């Protein structure tokens, strides 16, 4: 597991270098969208990227389909549709602390968790999109 995940990580860890406009990523496993994480700032995403990458690599390895080595990349339209569709269900909000609110949007295909900062006019800090399998 360590060797295989190291290969994934080393090939992707520098992808943010010289990029000042990246705030998140979507990842797929075996040709299907799995999840996405989007942050309110490039600095926050860059700080979390190494841990996110490691977790994604481990999950991809655990789900690796050894019988489909020629899986095509996921089309950008599929990714866009996943993000848009995840934002459509009605929101259910829960106050976590005086400052933090968690908003959840869920249907039979996707779930979206949005962390909001009450001190920033309920601006979102993090969005986690998950494709239900």
C-alpha atoms as a PDB file:
ATOM      1  CA  UNK A   1       0.000   0.000   0.000  1.00  0.00           C
ATOM      2  CA  UNK A   2       2.793   2.423   0.924  1.00  0.00           C
ATOM      3  CA  UNK A   3       4.684   1.834  -2.342  1.00  0.00           C
ATOM      4  CA  UNK A   4       1.633   2.156  -4.545  1.00  0.00           C
ATOM      5  CA  UNK A   5       0.310   5.240  -2.762  1.00  0.00           C
ATOM      6  CA  UNK A   6       3.767   6.824  -2.900  1.00  0.00           C
ATOM      7  CA  UNK A   7       3.683   6.509  -6.701  1.00  0.00           C
ATOM      8  CA  UNK A   8       0.305   8.252  -6.901  1.00  0.00           C
ATOM      9  CA  UNK A   9       1.378  10.949  -4.473  1.00  0.00           C
ATOM     10  CA  UNK A  10       4.715  11.686  -6.132  1.00  0.00           C
ATOM     11  CA  UNK A  11       3.063  12.070  -9.529  1.00  0.00           C
ATOM     12  CA  UNK A  12       0.469  14.546  -8.236  1.00  0.00           C
ATOM     13  CA  UNK A  13       1.957  16.356  -5.234  1.00  0.00           C
ATOM     14  CA  UNK A  14       3.518  19.155  -7.290  1.00  0.00           C
ATOM     15  CA  UNK A  15       0.449  19.817  -9.404  1.00  0.00           C
ATOM     16  CA  UNK A  16      -0.294  23.064  -7.536  1.00  0.00           C
ATOM     17  CA  UNK A  17       3.156  24.535  -8.122  1.00  0.00           C
ATOM     18  CA  UNK A  18       2.960  27.988  -9.751  1.00  0.00           C
ATOM     19  CA  UNK A  19      -0.842  27.949  -9.635  1.00  0.00           C
ATOM     20  CA  UNK A  20      -2.501  30.715  -7.655  1.00  0.00           C
ATOM     21  CA  UNK A  21      -6.125  30.043  -8.569  1.00  0.00           C
ATOM     22  CA  UNK A  22      -6.762  26.444  -7.468  1.00  0.00           C
ATOM     23  CA  UNK A  23      -9.210  26.001  -4.594  1.00  0.00           C
ATOM     24  CA  UNK A  24     -10.200  22.353  -4.848  1.00  0.00           C
ATOM     25  CA  UNK A  25     -10.225  19.071  -6.675  1.00  0.00           C
ATOM     26  CA  UNK A  26     -12.510  16.281  -7.837  1.00  0.00           C
ATOM     27  CA  UNK A  27     -11.296  12.729  -7.937  1.00  0.00           C
ATOM     28  CA  UNK A  28     -12.483   9.623  -9.687  1.00  0.00           C
ATOM     29  CA  UNK A  29     -11.895   5.941  -9.074  1.00  0.00           C
ATOM     30  CA  UNK A  30     -12.168   3.384 -11.861  1.00  0.00           C
ATOM     31  CA  UNK A  31     -13.588   5.994 -14.238  1.00  0.00           C
ATOM     32  CA  UNK A  32     -16.351   7.193 -11.905  1.00  0.00           C
ATOM     33  CA  UNK A  33     -16.531  10.424  -9.920  1.00  0.00           C
ATOM     34  CA  UNK A  34     -15.984   9.709  -6.239  1.00  0.00           C
ATOM     35  CA  UNK A  35     -15.914  13.042  -4.420  1.00  0.00           C
ATOM     36  CA  UNK A  36     -14.705  16.622  -4.395  1.00  0.00           C
ATOM     37  CA  UNK A  37     -13.332  19.090  -1.885  1.00  0.00           C
ATOM     38  CA  UNK A  38     -13.472  22.837  -2.496  1.00  0.00           C
ATOM     39  CA  UNK A  39     -12.153  25.539  -0.163  1.00  0.00           C
ATOM     40  CA  UNK A  40     -12.786  29.267   0.108  1.00  0.00           C
ATOM     41  CA  UNK A  41      -9.159  30.149  -0.623  1.00  0.00           C
ATOM     42  CA  UNK A  42      -6.132  28.909  -2.488  1.00  0.00           C
ATOM     43  CA  UNK A  43      -4.020  29.181   0.664  1.00  0.00           C
ATOM     44  CA  UNK A  44      -6.315  26.927   2.676  1.00  0.00           C
ATOM     45  CA  UNK A  45      -6.538  24.345  -0.119  1.00  0.00           C
ATOM     46  CA  UNK A  46      -2.758  24.361  -0.648  1.00  0.00           C
ATOM     47  CA  UNK A  47      -2.182  23.803   3.052  1.00  0.00           C
ATOM     48  CA  UNK A  48      -4.521  20.786   3.096  1.00  0.00           C
ATOM     49  CA  UNK A  49      -3.538  19.363  -0.314  1.00  0.00           C
ATOM     50  CA  UNK A  50      -0.865  16.895   0.932  1.00  0.00           C
ATOM     51  CA  UNK A  51      -3.285  15.234   3.359  1.00  0.00           C
ATOM     52  CA  UNK A  52      -6.145  15.257   0.864  1.00  0.00           C
ATOM     53  CA  UNK A  53      -3.918  13.711  -1.787  1.00  0.00           C
ATOM     54  CA  UNK A  54      -2.711  10.974   0.541  1.00  0.00           C
ATOM     55  CA  UNK A  55      -6.257  10.088   1.619  1.00  0.00           C
ATOM     56  CA  UNK A  56      -7.471  10.046  -1.982  1.00  0.00           C
ATOM     57  CA  UNK A  57      -4.570   7.840  -3.092  1.00  0.00           C
ATOM     58  CA  UNK A  58      -5.260   5.299  -0.355  1.00  0.00           C
ATOM     59  CA  UNK A  59      -8.973   5.230  -1.221  1.00  0.00           C
ATOM     60  CA  UNK A  60      -8.239   4.828  -4.929  1.00  0.00           C
ATOM     61  CA  UNK A  61      -5.882   1.925  -4.250  1.00  0.00           C
ATOM     62  CA  UNK A  62      -8.426   0.229  -2.003  1.00  0.00           C
ATOM     63  CA  UNK A  63     -11.055   0.441  -4.750  1.00  0.00           C
ATOM     64  CA  UNK A  64      -8.743  -0.248  -7.684  1.00  0.00           C
ATOM     65  CA  UNK A  65     -10.327  -2.423 -10.342  1.00  0.00           C
ATOM     66  CA  UNK A  66      -7.452  -4.511 -11.620  1.00  0.00           C
ATOM     67  CA  UNK A  67      -9.521  -5.714 -14.580  1.00  0.00           C
ATOM     68  CA  UNK A  68      -9.906  -2.315 -16.222  1.00  0.00           C
ATOM     69  CA  UNK A  69      -6.512  -0.821 -16.916  1.00  0.00           C
ATOM     70  CA  UNK A  70      -7.839   1.161 -19.876  1.00  0.00           C
ATOM     71  CA  UNK A  71     -10.453   3.183 -18.022  1.00  0.00           C
ATOM     72  CA  UNK A  72     -10.921   6.504 -19.812  1.00  0.00           C
ATOM     73  CA  UNK A  73     -10.673   9.745 -17.842  1.00  0.00           C
ATOM     74  CA  UNK A  74     -13.901  11.237 -16.534  1.00  0.00           C
ATOM     75  CA  UNK A  75     -15.248  13.910 -18.893  1.00  0.00           C
ATOM     76  CA  UNK A  76     -15.284  17.491 -17.620  1.00  0.00           C
ATOM     77  CA  UNK A  77     -19.036  17.608 -18.344  1.00  0.00           C
ATOM     78  CA  UNK A  78     -19.532  14.696 -15.916  1.00  0.00           C
ATOM     79  CA  UNK A  79     -17.594  16.532 -13.217  1.00  0.00           C
ATOM     80  CA  UNK A  80     -19.548  19.750 -13.768  1.00  0.00           C
ATOM     81  CA  UNK A  81     -22.846  17.865 -13.671  1.00  0.00           C
ATOM     82  CA  UNK A  82     -21.853  16.139 -10.412  1.00  0.00           C
ATOM     83  CA  UNK A  83     -21.082  19.474  -8.730  1.00  0.00           C
ATOM     84  CA  UNK A  84     -24.223  21.214 -10.021  1.00  0.00           C
ATOM     85  CA  UNK A  85     -26.534  18.300  -9.183  1.00  0.00           C
ATOM     86  CA  UNK A  86     -25.076  18.064  -5.658  1.00  0.00           C
ATOM     87  CA  UNK A  87     -26.076  21.669  -4.969  1.00  0.00           C
ATOM     88  CA  UNK A  88     -29.744  21.263  -5.990  1.00  0.00           C
ATOM     89  CA  UNK A  89     -31.390  19.456  -3.025  1.00  0.00           C
ATOM     90  CA  UNK A  90     -32.932  21.501  -0.249  1.00  0.00           C
ATOM     91  CA  UNK A  91     -30.516  22.600   2.448  1.00  0.00           C
ATOM     92  CA  UNK A  92     -30.667  21.418   6.043  1.00  0.00           C
ATOM     93  CA  UNK A  93     -28.612  23.561   8.441  1.00  0.00           C
ATOM     94  CA  UNK A  94     -27.172  22.658  11.821  1.00  0.00           C
ATOM     95  CA  UNK A  95     -25.449  25.064  14.174  1.00  0.00           C
ATOM     96  CA  UNK A  96     -22.185  23.379  15.205  1.00  0.00           C
ATOM     97  CA  UNK A  97     -20.835  26.233  17.305  1.00  0.00           C
ATOM     98  CA  UNK A  98     -21.645  29.908  17.699  1.00  0.00           C
ATOM     99  CA  UNK A  99     -19.386  30.538  14.717  1.00  0.00           C
ATOM    100  CA  UNK A 100     -19.765  27.404  12.560  1.00  0.00           C
ATOM    101  CA  UNK A 101     -22.824  26.196  10.661  1.00  0.00           C
ATOM    102  CA  UNK A 102     -22.987  22.920   8.711  1.00  0.00           C
ATOM    103  CA  UNK A 103     -25.327  22.850   5.737  1.00  0.00           C
ATOM    104  CA  UNK A 104     -26.188  19.502   4.172  1.00  0.00           C
ATOM    105  CA  UNK A 105     -27.806  18.888   0.794  1.00  0.00           C
ATOM    106  CA  UNK A 106     -28.651  15.290  -0.020  1.00  0.00           C
ATOM    107  CA  UNK A 107     -30.579  13.220  -2.530  1.00  0.00           C
ATOM    108  CA  UNK A 108     -30.389   9.606  -3.662  1.00  0.00           C
ATOM    109  CA  UNK A 109     -27.238  10.211  -5.757  1.00  0.00           C
ATOM    110  CA  UNK A 110     -25.101  12.767  -3.913  1.00  0.00           C
ATOM    111  CA  UNK A 111     -24.491  14.509  -0.631  1.00  0.00           C
ATOM    112  CA  UNK A 112     -22.928  17.936  -0.140  1.00  0.00           C
ATOM    113  CA  UNK A 113     -21.572  19.131   3.202  1.00  0.00           C
ATOM    114  CA  UNK A 114     -20.881  22.861   3.410  1.00  0.00           C
ATOM    115  CA  UNK A 115     -19.127  24.446   6.379  1.00  0.00           C
ATOM    116  CA  UNK A 116     -20.061  28.093   6.847  1.00  0.00           C
ATOM    117  CA  UNK A 117     -18.465  30.810   8.973  1.00  0.00           C
ATOM    118  CA  UNK A 118     -21.157  32.815  10.795  1.00  0.00           C
ATOM    119  CA  UNK A 119     -18.705  35.689  11.360  1.00  0.00           C
ATOM    120  CA  UNK A 120     -18.161  35.966   7.631  1.00  0.00           C
ATOM    121  CA  UNK A 121     -21.851  36.486   6.795  1.00  0.00           C
ATOM    122  CA  UNK A 122     -22.335  32.707   6.557  1.00  0.00           C
ATOM    123  CA  UNK A 123     -19.742  32.512   3.792  1.00  0.00           C
ATOM    124  CA  UNK A 124     -18.657  28.977   3.091  1.00  0.00           C
ATOM    125  CA  UNK A 125     -15.196  27.778   4.075  1.00  0.00           C
ATOM    126  CA  UNK A 126     -15.301  24.209   2.792  1.00  0.00           C
ATOM    127  CA  UNK A 127     -17.551  22.162   0.526  1.00  0.00           C
ATOM    128  CA  UNK A 128     -17.308  18.392   0.459  1.00  0.00           C
ATOM    129  CA  UNK A 129     -19.186  16.671  -2.375  1.00  0.00           C
ATOM    130  CA  UNK A 130     -19.703  12.910  -2.190  1.00  0.00           C
ATOM    131  CA  UNK A 131     -21.099  10.635  -4.880  1.00  0.00           C
ATOM    132  CA  UNK A 132     -23.194   7.866  -3.386  1.00  0.00           C
ATOM    133  CA  UNK A 133     -22.234   4.495  -4.826  1.00  0.00           C
END
